[in-house]
Amino acid sequence: MTTQPRPRRAPSGAAVLREDITEAIRAAVFEELAAAGYGRLSVEAVARRAGVGKTAVYRRWPSKLELVIDAVSAVAALRLPVPDTGSLRGDIRALLGILSRALRHPLAAQIVPDLLAEAARNPEIAQTLEKALLNAQRDITSKVFGAATARGELPEDVDAGLALDLLLGPLYWRLTVLRTAPTRAYLDELAATVVEKLA
């Protein structure tokens, strides 16, 4: 009679952190941020929403601040799709549509203004947001404006920072300050205006 080998036990030591639980906690962070804001967010509430114990959260992040910073950084690392329509105006119009939809998402509409306000009081959150935004801007700049320069639509010395200000400033103002959804006509006109000013 042959005996089947016993399954090996996991090595003793540090516990293996399940990725599905980590992602559930990150999702719960954004839901709690939208519901309560950073100031009233608690590890207990995040754990309850994620369906885990507080220890599951503290195994991954030692504090509320690090939990929020990690969640924001993880989302910021997911790059927005960069359009490639073959023209600067087409790319800018497509990009405005993508950004408009992203900023109109219910979670983003609640979380972004709250975190920006918190960043004024908390240097670590400010640095995280700044780094995330700069990385996203560099990615968009290098591809959209780089392609336009290669096609001869933009001069090589175009100010990419100003270009992004012209793109994002009006859109952010309309969506987060005025709380007004931009129409297709508005996005068309904004794209045309940005191209005209840059060219």
Protein backbone atom coordinates (compact mmCIF):
# COMPACT_ATOMS: atom_id res chain seq x y z
CA MET A 1 0.00 0.00 0.00
CA THR A 2 1.48 3.32 -1.05
CA THR A 3 1.02 6.39 1.03
CA GLN A 4 0.38 9.75 -0.54
CA PRO A 5 2.88 12.45 0.41
CA ARG A 6 1.47 14.99 2.77
CA PRO A 7 1.03 18.50 1.37
CA ARG A 8 3.73 20.85 2.47
CA ARG A 9 2.90 23.51 4.96
CA ALA A 10 3.58 27.11 4.18
CA PRO A 11 6.86 28.18 5.75
CA SER A 12 6.56 29.77 9.15
CA GLY A 13 7.33 33.45 9.56
CA ALA A 14 5.67 36.46 7.96
CA ALA A 15 2.10 35.89 6.83
CA VAL A 16 1.41 35.98 3.12
CA LEU A 17 -0.86 38.93 2.37
CA ARG A 18 -3.72 38.04 0.07
CA GLU A 19 -3.98 40.41 -2.88
CA ASP A 20 -7.77 40.19 -3.06
CA ILE A 21 -8.02 41.45 0.54
CA THR A 22 -5.54 44.25 -0.20
CA GLU A 23 -7.64 45.37 -3.18
CA ALA A 24 -10.85 45.14 -1.16
CA ILE A 25 -9.32 47.43 1.46
CA ARG A 26 -8.15 49.92 -1.18
CA ALA A 27 -11.65 50.01 -2.67
CA ALA A 28 -13.10 50.55 0.79
CA VAL A 29 -10.70 53.47 1.34
CA PHE A 30 -12.10 55.32 -1.68
CA GLU A 31 -15.69 54.62 -0.67
CA GLU A 32 -15.00 55.91 2.85
CA LEU A 33 -13.19 58.98 1.50
CA ALA A 34 -16.21 59.76 -0.66
CA ALA A 35 -18.64 59.19 2.20
CA ALA A 36 -16.80 60.77 5.14
CA GLY A 37 -13.76 62.67 3.83
CA TYR A 38 -10.19 62.25 5.00
CA GLY A 39 -10.70 63.98 8.35
CA ARG A 40 -13.42 61.59 9.51
CA LEU A 41 -12.07 58.47 7.82
CA SER A 42 -11.09 55.73 10.29
CA VAL A 43 -9.30 52.41 9.94
CA GLU A 44 -12.23 50.76 11.72
CA ALA A 45 -14.71 52.05 9.12
CA VAL A 46 -12.47 50.98 6.24
CA ALA A 47 -12.08 47.50 7.70
CA ARG A 48 -15.83 47.17 8.26
CA ARG A 49 -16.59 48.26 4.69
CA ALA A 50 -14.00 45.85 3.30
CA GLY A 51 -15.37 42.98 5.40
CA VAL A 52 -12.10 42.37 7.25
CA GLY A 53 -10.72 42.90 10.72
CA LYS A 54 -8.63 45.93 11.70
CA THR A 55 -5.56 43.71 11.95
CA ALA A 56 -5.80 42.97 8.21
CA VAL A 57 -5.48 46.69 7.56
CA TYR A 58 -2.67 47.27 10.07
CA ARG A 59 -0.67 44.34 8.66
CA ARG A 60 -0.45 46.30 5.42
CA TRP A 61 -0.39 49.93 6.56
CA PRO A 62 0.69 51.22 9.98
CA SER A 63 -1.53 54.32 9.90
CA LYS A 64 -4.51 55.97 8.22
CA LEU A 65 -2.21 58.39 6.42
CA GLU A 66 -0.10 55.63 4.85
CA LEU A 67 -3.26 53.72 3.93
CA VAL A 68 -4.69 56.69 2.05
CA ILE A 69 -1.36 57.59 0.41
CA ASP A 70 -0.93 54.03 -0.83
CA ALA A 71 -4.47 53.87 -2.22
CA VAL A 72 -4.10 57.20 -4.02
CA SER A 73 -0.68 56.20 -5.39
CA ALA A 74 -2.04 52.88 -6.66
CA VAL A 75 -4.81 54.62 -8.60
CA ALA A 76 -2.48 57.34 -9.88
CA ALA A 77 -0.18 54.65 -11.27
CA LEU A 78 -3.02 53.56 -13.59
CA ARG A 79 -2.30 55.80 -16.54
CA LEU A 80 -5.13 57.39 -18.47
CA PRO A 81 -5.36 56.15 -22.04
CA VAL A 82 -3.44 58.54 -24.29
CA PRO A 83 -5.35 59.26 -27.51
CA ASP A 84 -3.74 58.99 -30.94
CA THR A 85 -6.20 60.34 -33.51
CA GLY A 86 -3.61 61.61 -35.96
CA SER A 87 -4.14 65.31 -35.23
CA LEU A 88 -3.49 67.61 -32.28
CA ARG A 89 -7.06 68.88 -32.22
CA GLY A 90 -8.43 65.34 -32.33
CA ASP A 91 -6.09 64.19 -29.56
CA ILE A 92 -6.93 67.14 -27.33
CA ARG A 93 -10.67 66.72 -27.87
CA ALA A 94 -10.42 63.00 -27.05
CA LEU A 95 -8.30 63.74 -23.99
CA LEU A 96 -10.83 66.31 -22.76
CA GLY A 97 -13.56 63.71 -23.08
CA ILE A 98 -11.54 61.14 -21.10
CA LEU A 99 -10.71 63.63 -18.34
CA SER A 100 -14.28 64.90 -18.19
CA ARG A 101 -15.63 61.39 -17.65
CA ALA A 102 -12.97 60.61 -15.04
CA LEU A 103 -13.63 63.78 -13.02
CA ARG A 104 -17.41 63.27 -13.21
CA HIS A 105 -17.14 59.83 -11.60
CA PRO A 106 -19.01 60.05 -8.26
CA LEU A 107 -15.98 58.96 -6.23
CA ALA A 108 -13.61 61.37 -7.95
CA ALA A 109 -16.07 64.25 -7.61
CA GLN A 110 -16.10 63.79 -3.83
CA ILE A 111 -12.52 62.69 -3.19
CA VAL A 112 -10.42 65.01 -5.34
CA PRO A 113 -11.55 68.32 -3.77
CA ASP A 114 -11.31 66.82 -0.27
CA LEU A 115 -7.77 65.53 -0.79
CA LEU A 116 -6.65 68.81 -2.33
CA ALA A 117 -7.98 70.63 0.74
CA GLU A 118 -6.24 68.12 3.02
CA ALA A 119 -3.01 68.55 1.05
CA ALA A 120 -2.90 72.19 2.15
CA ARG A 121 -2.59 70.93 5.75
CA ASN A 122 -0.65 67.70 5.24
CA PRO A 123 2.74 67.81 3.45
CA GLU A 124 2.84 64.03 2.86
CA ILE A 125 -0.49 64.01 1.06
CA ALA A 126 0.57 67.13 -0.86
CA GLN A 127 3.77 65.42 -2.02
CA THR A 128 1.90 62.27 -3.04
CA LEU A 129 -0.69 64.19 -5.07
CA GLU A 130 1.97 66.38 -6.66
CA LYS A 131 4.08 63.40 -7.66
CA ALA A 132 1.07 61.52 -9.04
CA LEU A 133 -0.15 64.52 -11.04
CA LEU A 134 3.32 65.32 -12.37
CA ASN A 135 3.85 61.74 -13.54
CA ALA A 136 0.49 61.73 -15.33
CA GLN A 137 1.25 65.11 -16.92
CA ARG A 138 4.66 64.01 -18.16
CA ASP A 139 3.17 60.89 -19.71
CA ILE A 140 0.46 62.85 -21.55
CA THR A 141 2.85 65.63 -22.54
CA SER A 142 5.50 63.35 -23.99
CA LYS A 143 3.00 61.46 -26.14
CA VAL A 144 0.31 63.91 -27.25
CA PHE A 145 2.43 67.02 -27.64
CA GLY A 146 5.46 65.04 -28.80
CA ALA A 147 3.42 63.50 -31.60
CA ALA A 148 2.03 66.90 -32.58
CA THR A 149 5.55 68.34 -32.73
CA ALA A 150 6.70 65.44 -34.91
CA ARG A 151 3.80 66.12 -37.30
CA GLY A 152 4.75 69.79 -37.46
CA GLU A 153 1.59 70.98 -35.70
CA LEU A 154 3.48 72.45 -32.74
CA PRO A 155 6.84 74.18 -32.44
CA GLU A 156 9.55 72.23 -30.68
CA ASP A 157 9.78 74.81 -27.91
CA VAL A 158 6.08 74.57 -26.98
CA ASP A 159 5.50 75.11 -23.26
CA ALA A 160 4.00 71.75 -22.25
CA GLY A 161 3.16 72.99 -18.75
CA LEU A 162 1.15 75.91 -20.12
CA ALA A 163 -0.55 73.58 -22.59
CA LEU A 164 -1.75 71.35 -19.76
CA ASP A 165 -2.90 74.39 -17.77
CA LEU A 166 -5.00 75.47 -20.75
CA LEU A 167 -6.43 71.97 -21.02
CA LEU A 168 -7.10 71.08 -17.41
CA GLY A 169 -7.77 74.44 -15.79
CA PRO A 170 -11.12 75.25 -17.46
CA LEU A 171 -12.28 71.63 -17.20
CA TYR A 172 -11.45 71.31 -13.50
CA TRP A 173 -13.05 74.70 -12.74
CA ARG A 174 -16.27 73.76 -14.50
CA LEU A 175 -16.54 70.28 -12.99
CA THR A 176 -15.37 70.76 -9.41
CA VAL A 177 -16.09 74.43 -8.67
CA LEU A 178 -19.14 75.23 -10.79
CA ARG A 179 -20.36 71.61 -10.61
CA THR A 180 -21.52 71.84 -14.23
CA ALA A 181 -21.08 68.99 -16.68
CA PRO A 182 -19.43 70.24 -19.88
CA THR A 183 -21.42 69.76 -23.08
CA ARG A 184 -20.00 68.32 -26.27
CA ALA A 185 -20.09 71.80 -27.80
CA TYR A 186 -18.10 73.19 -24.86
CA LEU A 187 -15.43 70.49 -25.18
CA ASP A 188 -15.24 71.05 -28.95
CA GLU A 189 -14.77 74.80 -28.43
CA LEU A 190 -12.22 74.29 -25.65
CA ALA A 191 -10.17 71.91 -27.81
CA ALA A 192 -10.21 74.37 -30.72
CA THR A 193 -9.19 77.26 -28.47
CA VAL A 194 -6.28 75.34 -26.93
CA VAL A 195 -4.97 74.31 -30.37
CA GLU A 196 -5.26 77.87 -31.65
CA LYS A 197 -3.36 79.31 -28.69
CA LEU A 198 -0.60 76.70 -28.81
CA ALA A 199 -0.08 76.85 -32.55
